[in-house]
Amino acid sequence: MAPHDAICDQVLKNIRRIIRAIDLHSRHLTHQHGITGPQAIVLLTLSEVPQMACTELANRISVSPGTVTDLLNRLTKKGWVERFRDDQDRRKLWVRLTPEGQGRMAQSPPLLQVEFTNRFQKLADWEQSLILSSLQRVASLMDAERVDSAPLLTSGPIQADDSDETV
């Protein structure tokens, strides 16, 4: 095996380790707390303001409007969020936490990225920049620019549409 093949194998192995760590944390959230990582990030984001436009929420968590609609549908069914129309502009749709959603936020364990962020912020600036640059390049090599991304760490099945079916 050529040295560059061994390095490539190590990179791929570490990518798989990251994916596995995210997957395990996401499964723990789902099984132990009844909430998925993406749902938790929506609740966390909504807990920072009294209400937010659905389009702003999608932009803030860096997902498509369709993805945020799916998340909000599921959270609405659980009674954790509510959507309502703007009094002045009926085209505008707002979302906010319900009291039950606020209670869920208080019970939720910290997300994986909280621990990561705490550790990452302790690194020297040059090391943070190096990691960012390397990950941007890896994402580019994996053609990941086309994929929705949010500043949260989660994994799981990809939703095919707004139903509960997954691919």
C-alpha atoms as a PDB file:
ATOM      1  CA  MET A   1       0.000   0.000   0.000  1.00  0.00           C
ATOM      2  CA  ALA A   2       1.389   3.370  -1.007  1.00  0.00           C
ATOM      3  CA  PRO A   3       1.849   5.958   1.779  1.00  0.00           C
ATOM      4  CA  HIS A   4      -0.810   8.230   0.264  1.00  0.00           C
ATOM      5  CA  ASP A   5      -3.288   5.298   0.261  1.00  0.00           C
ATOM      6  CA  ALA A   6      -2.628   4.728   3.966  1.00  0.00           C
ATOM      7  CA  ILE A   7      -3.232   8.414   4.681  1.00  0.00           C
ATOM      8  CA  CYS A   8      -6.460   8.358   2.663  1.00  0.00           C
ATOM      9  CA  ASP A   9      -7.595   5.271   4.584  1.00  0.00           C
ATOM     10  CA  GLN A  10      -6.903   7.045   7.885  1.00  0.00           C
ATOM     11  CA  VAL A  11      -8.893  10.097   6.748  1.00  0.00           C
ATOM     12  CA  LEU A  12     -11.844   7.913   5.746  1.00  0.00           C
ATOM     13  CA  LYS A  13     -11.621   5.954   9.001  1.00  0.00           C
ATOM     14  CA  ASN A  14     -11.769   9.184  11.001  1.00  0.00           C
ATOM     15  CA  ILE A  15     -14.722  10.459   8.967  1.00  0.00           C
ATOM     16  CA  ARG A  16     -16.527   7.207   9.808  1.00  0.00           C
ATOM     17  CA  ARG A  17     -15.641   7.679  13.506  1.00  0.00           C
ATOM     18  CA  ILE A  18     -17.168  11.159  13.436  1.00  0.00           C
ATOM     19  CA  ILE A  19     -20.307   9.892  11.699  1.00  0.00           C
ATOM     20  CA  ARG A  20     -20.588   7.061  14.226  1.00  0.00           C
ATOM     21  CA  ALA A  21     -20.206   9.408  17.216  1.00  0.00           C
ATOM     22  CA  ILE A  22     -22.912  11.681  15.822  1.00  0.00           C
ATOM     23  CA  ASP A  23     -25.180   8.724  15.093  1.00  0.00           C
ATOM     24  CA  LEU A  24     -24.775   7.275  18.596  1.00  0.00           C
ATOM     25  CA  HIS A  25     -25.546  10.631  20.206  1.00  0.00           C
ATOM     26  CA  SER A  26     -28.577  11.126  17.971  1.00  0.00           C
ATOM     27  CA  ARG A  27     -29.900   7.645  18.820  1.00  0.00           C
ATOM     28  CA  HIS A  28     -29.384   8.352  22.517  1.00  0.00           C
ATOM     29  CA  LEU A  29     -31.419  11.559  22.216  1.00  0.00           C
ATOM     30  CA  THR A  30     -34.203   9.747  20.399  1.00  0.00           C
ATOM     31  CA  HIS A  31     -34.391   6.692  22.667  1.00  0.00           C
ATOM     32  CA  GLN A  32     -33.744   8.336  26.033  1.00  0.00           C
ATOM     33  CA  HIS A  33     -35.418  11.706  25.537  1.00  0.00           C
ATOM     34  CA  GLY A  34     -37.909  11.263  22.685  1.00  0.00           C
ATOM     35  CA  ILE A  35     -36.358  13.992  20.575  1.00  0.00           C
ATOM     36  CA  THR A  36     -34.129  13.957  17.516  1.00  0.00           C
ATOM     37  CA  GLY A  37     -31.081  16.156  17.053  1.00  0.00           C
ATOM     38  CA  PRO A  38     -32.745  18.343  14.402  1.00  0.00           C
ATOM     39  CA  GLN A  39     -35.844  18.734  16.578  1.00  0.00           C
ATOM     40  CA  ALA A  40     -33.652  19.748  19.509  1.00  0.00           C
ATOM     41  CA  ILE A  41     -31.874  22.400  17.453  1.00  0.00           C
ATOM     42  CA  VAL A  42     -35.241  23.830  16.339  1.00  0.00           C
ATOM     43  CA  LEU A  43     -36.409  23.999  19.958  1.00  0.00           C
ATOM     44  CA  LEU A  44     -33.104  25.525  21.038  1.00  0.00           C
ATOM     45  CA  THR A  45     -33.289  28.154  18.295  1.00  0.00           C
ATOM     46  CA  LEU A  46     -36.908  29.004  19.105  1.00  0.00           C
ATOM     47  CA  SER A  47     -36.094  29.259  22.819  1.00  0.00           C
ATOM     48  CA  GLU A  48     -33.862  32.252  22.062  1.00  0.00           C
ATOM     49  CA  VAL A  49     -36.732  34.461  20.811  1.00  0.00           C
ATOM     50  CA  PRO A  50     -40.458  34.788  21.558  1.00  0.00           C
ATOM     51  CA  GLN A  51     -41.388  33.898  17.968  1.00  0.00           C
ATOM     52  CA  MET A  52     -39.731  33.537  14.578  1.00  0.00           C
ATOM     53  CA  ALA A  53     -40.810  33.472  10.952  1.00  0.00           C
ATOM     54  CA  CYS A  54     -40.576  29.963   9.498  1.00  0.00           C
ATOM     55  CA  THR A  55     -38.319  31.186   6.688  1.00  0.00           C
ATOM     56  CA  GLU A  56     -36.007  32.851   9.206  1.00  0.00           C
ATOM     57  CA  LEU A  57     -35.854  29.611  11.197  1.00  0.00           C
ATOM     58  CA  ALA A  58     -34.851  27.674   8.071  1.00  0.00           C
ATOM     59  CA  ASN A  59     -32.135  30.239   7.338  1.00  0.00           C
ATOM     60  CA  ARG A  60     -30.910  30.365  10.934  1.00  0.00           C
ATOM     61  CA  ILE A  61     -30.408  26.588  11.169  1.00  0.00           C
ATOM     62  CA  SER A  62     -29.179  26.317   7.558  1.00  0.00           C
ATOM     63  CA  VAL A  63     -31.779  23.908   6.203  1.00  0.00           C
ATOM     64  CA  SER A  64     -34.226  24.100   3.321  1.00  0.00           C
ATOM     65  CA  PRO A  65     -37.772  25.385   3.853  1.00  0.00           C
ATOM     66  CA  GLY A  66     -39.039  21.850   3.142  1.00  0.00           C
ATOM     67  CA  THR A  67     -36.851  20.395   5.877  1.00  0.00           C
ATOM     68  CA  VAL A  68     -37.972  22.980   8.415  1.00  0.00           C
ATOM     69  CA  THR A  69     -41.608  22.316   7.438  1.00  0.00           C
ATOM     70  CA  ASP A  70     -41.119  18.601   8.132  1.00  0.00           C
ATOM     71  CA  LEU A  71     -39.481  19.331  11.489  1.00  0.00           C
ATOM     72  CA  LEU A  72     -42.232  21.771  12.463  1.00  0.00           C
ATOM     73  CA  ASN A  73     -44.942  19.288  11.449  1.00  0.00           C
ATOM     74  CA  ARG A  74     -43.461  16.697  13.795  1.00  0.00           C
ATOM     75  CA  LEU A  75     -42.948  19.182  16.634  1.00  0.00           C
ATOM     76  CA  THR A  76     -46.498  20.506  16.201  1.00  0.00           C
ATOM     77  CA  LYS A  77     -47.884  16.951  16.441  1.00  0.00           C
ATOM     78  CA  LYS A  78     -46.001  16.563  19.728  1.00  0.00           C
ATOM     79  CA  GLY A  79     -47.461  19.859  20.966  1.00  0.00           C
ATOM     80  CA  TRP A  80     -44.043  21.483  21.388  1.00  0.00           C
ATOM     81  CA  VAL A  81     -44.435  24.307  18.845  1.00  0.00           C
ATOM     82  CA  GLU A  82     -47.293  26.205  17.284  1.00  0.00           C
ATOM     83  CA  ARG A  83     -47.537  28.050  13.993  1.00  0.00           C
ATOM     84  CA  PHE A  84     -49.698  31.089  13.408  1.00  0.00           C
ATOM     85  CA  ARG A  85     -50.310  33.713  10.737  1.00  0.00           C
ATOM     86  CA  ASP A  86     -49.198  37.323  11.028  1.00  0.00           C
ATOM     87  CA  ASP A  87     -52.082  39.680  11.855  1.00  0.00           C
ATOM     88  CA  GLN A  88     -50.911  42.285   9.331  1.00  0.00           C
ATOM     89  CA  ASP A  89     -49.609  40.056   6.535  1.00  0.00           C
ATOM     90  CA  ARG A  90     -51.515  36.771   6.320  1.00  0.00           C
ATOM     91  CA  ARG A  91     -48.848  35.340   4.006  1.00  0.00           C
ATOM     92  CA  LYS A  92     -46.280  35.376   6.809  1.00  0.00           C
ATOM     93  CA  LEU A  93     -46.164  32.297   9.024  1.00  0.00           C
ATOM     94  CA  TRP A  94     -44.690  32.497  12.524  1.00  0.00           C
ATOM     95  CA  VAL A  95     -43.654  29.739  14.906  1.00  0.00           C
ATOM     96  CA  ARG A  96     -43.087  29.708  18.665  1.00  0.00           C
ATOM     97  CA  LEU A  97     -42.573  27.259  21.484  1.00  0.00           C
ATOM     98  CA  THR A  98     -45.598  26.126  23.439  1.00  0.00           C
ATOM     99  CA  PRO A  99     -45.335  25.886  27.231  1.00  0.00           C
ATOM    100  CA  GLU A 100     -44.869  22.125  26.729  1.00  0.00           C
ATOM    101  CA  GLY A 101     -42.051  22.850  24.256  1.00  0.00           C
ATOM    102  CA  GLN A 102     -40.400  25.161  26.777  1.00  0.00           C
ATOM    103  CA  GLY A 103     -40.605  22.378  29.350  1.00  0.00           C
ATOM    104  CA  ARG A 104     -39.067  19.943  26.865  1.00  0.00           C
ATOM    105  CA  MET A 105     -36.172  22.362  26.364  1.00  0.00           C
ATOM    106  CA  ALA A 106     -35.560  22.463  30.104  1.00  0.00           C
ATOM    107  CA  GLN A 107     -35.410  18.632  30.216  1.00  0.00           C
ATOM    108  CA  SER A 108     -33.298  18.091  27.101  1.00  0.00           C
ATOM    109  CA  PRO A 109     -29.697  17.042  27.559  1.00  0.00           C
ATOM    110  CA  PRO A 110     -26.991  19.183  25.971  1.00  0.00           C
ATOM    111  CA  LEU A 111     -26.454  18.567  22.289  1.00  0.00           C
ATOM    112  CA  LEU A 112     -23.229  16.974  21.102  1.00  0.00           C
ATOM    113  CA  GLN A 113     -22.092  20.232  19.544  1.00  0.00           C
ATOM    114  CA  VAL A 114     -22.178  21.970  22.945  1.00  0.00           C
ATOM    115  CA  GLU A 115     -19.377  19.739  24.222  1.00  0.00           C
ATOM    116  CA  PHE A 116     -17.553  20.028  20.899  1.00  0.00           C
ATOM    117  CA  THR A 117     -17.874  23.828  20.919  1.00  0.00           C
ATOM    118  CA  ASN A 118     -16.482  24.063  24.444  1.00  0.00           C
ATOM    119  CA  ARG A 119     -13.436  21.979  23.495  1.00  0.00           C
ATOM    120  CA  PHE A 120     -12.979  23.668  20.110  1.00  0.00           C
ATOM    121  CA  GLN A 121     -12.981  27.166  21.627  1.00  0.00           C
ATOM    122  CA  LYS A 122     -10.077  26.174  23.875  1.00  0.00           C
ATOM    123  CA  LEU A 123      -7.870  25.510  20.827  1.00  0.00           C
ATOM    124  CA  ALA A 124      -5.466  28.138  19.537  1.00  0.00           C
ATOM    125  CA  ASP A 125      -6.778  30.333  16.712  1.00  0.00           C
ATOM    126  CA  TRP A 126      -4.387  28.790  14.189  1.00  0.00           C
ATOM    127  CA  GLU A 127      -5.583  25.292  15.086  1.00  0.00           C
ATOM    128  CA  GLN A 128      -9.246  26.306  14.768  1.00  0.00           C
ATOM    129  CA  SER A 129      -8.512  27.784  11.330  1.00  0.00           C
ATOM    130  CA  LEU A 130      -6.609  24.666  10.279  1.00  0.00           C
ATOM    131  CA  ILE A 131      -9.509  22.412  11.274  1.00  0.00           C
ATOM    132  CA  LEU A 132     -12.026  24.639   9.498  1.00  0.00           C
ATOM    133  CA  SER A 133      -9.949  24.745   6.339  1.00  0.00           C
ATOM    134  CA  SER A 134      -9.407  20.987   6.363  1.00  0.00           C
ATOM    135  CA  LEU A 135     -13.077  20.213   6.906  1.00  0.00           C
ATOM    136  CA  GLN A 136     -14.123  22.625   4.159  1.00  0.00           C
ATOM    137  CA  ARG A 137     -11.769  20.831   1.798  1.00  0.00           C
ATOM    138  CA  VAL A 138     -13.031  17.383   2.860  1.00  0.00           C
ATOM    139  CA  ALA A 139     -16.626  18.532   2.333  1.00  0.00           C
ATOM    140  CA  SER A 140     -15.659  19.769  -1.119  1.00  0.00           C
ATOM    141  CA  LEU A 141     -13.966  16.468  -1.952  1.00  0.00           C
ATOM    142  CA  MET A 142     -17.132  14.657  -0.901  1.00  0.00           C
ATOM    143  CA  ASP A 143     -19.279  16.998  -3.030  1.00  0.00           C
ATOM    144  CA  ALA A 144     -21.144  17.972   0.133  1.00  0.00           C
ATOM    145  CA  GLU A 145     -21.906  21.535  -0.964  1.00  0.00           C
ATOM    146  CA  ARG A 146     -25.259  20.330  -2.317  1.00  0.00           C
ATOM    147  CA  VAL A 147     -26.420  18.977   1.036  1.00  0.00           C
ATOM    148  CA  ASP A 148     -28.426  20.957   3.608  1.00  0.00           C
ATOM    149  CA  SER A 149     -26.308  21.600   6.628  1.00  0.00           C
ATOM    150  CA  ALA A 150     -27.002  23.049   9.995  1.00  0.00           C
ATOM    151  CA  PRO A 151     -24.624  23.925  12.794  1.00  0.00           C
ATOM    152  CA  LEU A 152     -25.750  20.838  14.623  1.00  0.00           C
ATOM    153  CA  LEU A 153     -24.411  17.351  14.858  1.00  0.00           C
ATOM    154  CA  THR A 154     -26.955  14.707  13.952  1.00  0.00           C
ATOM    155  CA  SER A 155     -27.444  11.835  11.615  1.00  0.00           C
ATOM    156  CA  GLY A 156     -30.179   9.446  10.659  1.00  0.00           C
ATOM    157  CA  PRO A 157     -32.480   8.582   7.802  1.00  0.00           C
ATOM    158  CA  ILE A 158     -33.140  11.099   5.071  1.00  0.00           C
ATOM    159  CA  GLN A 159     -36.764  12.143   4.741  1.00  0.00           C
ATOM    160  CA  ALA A 160     -38.220  11.383   1.315  1.00  0.00           C
ATOM    161  CA  ASP A 161     -41.045  13.908   1.713  1.00  0.00           C
ATOM    162  CA  ASP A 162     -43.272  15.383   4.418  1.00  0.00           C
ATOM    163  CA  SER A 163     -44.623  11.966   5.401  1.00  0.00           C
ATOM    164  CA  ASP A 164     -43.022   9.698   7.962  1.00  0.00           C
ATOM    165  CA  GLU A 165     -41.417   7.532   5.276  1.00  0.00           C
ATOM    166  CA  THR A 166     -37.644   7.497   5.168  1.00  0.00           C
ATOM    167  CA  VAL A 167     -35.087   6.437   2.604  1.00  0.00           C
END
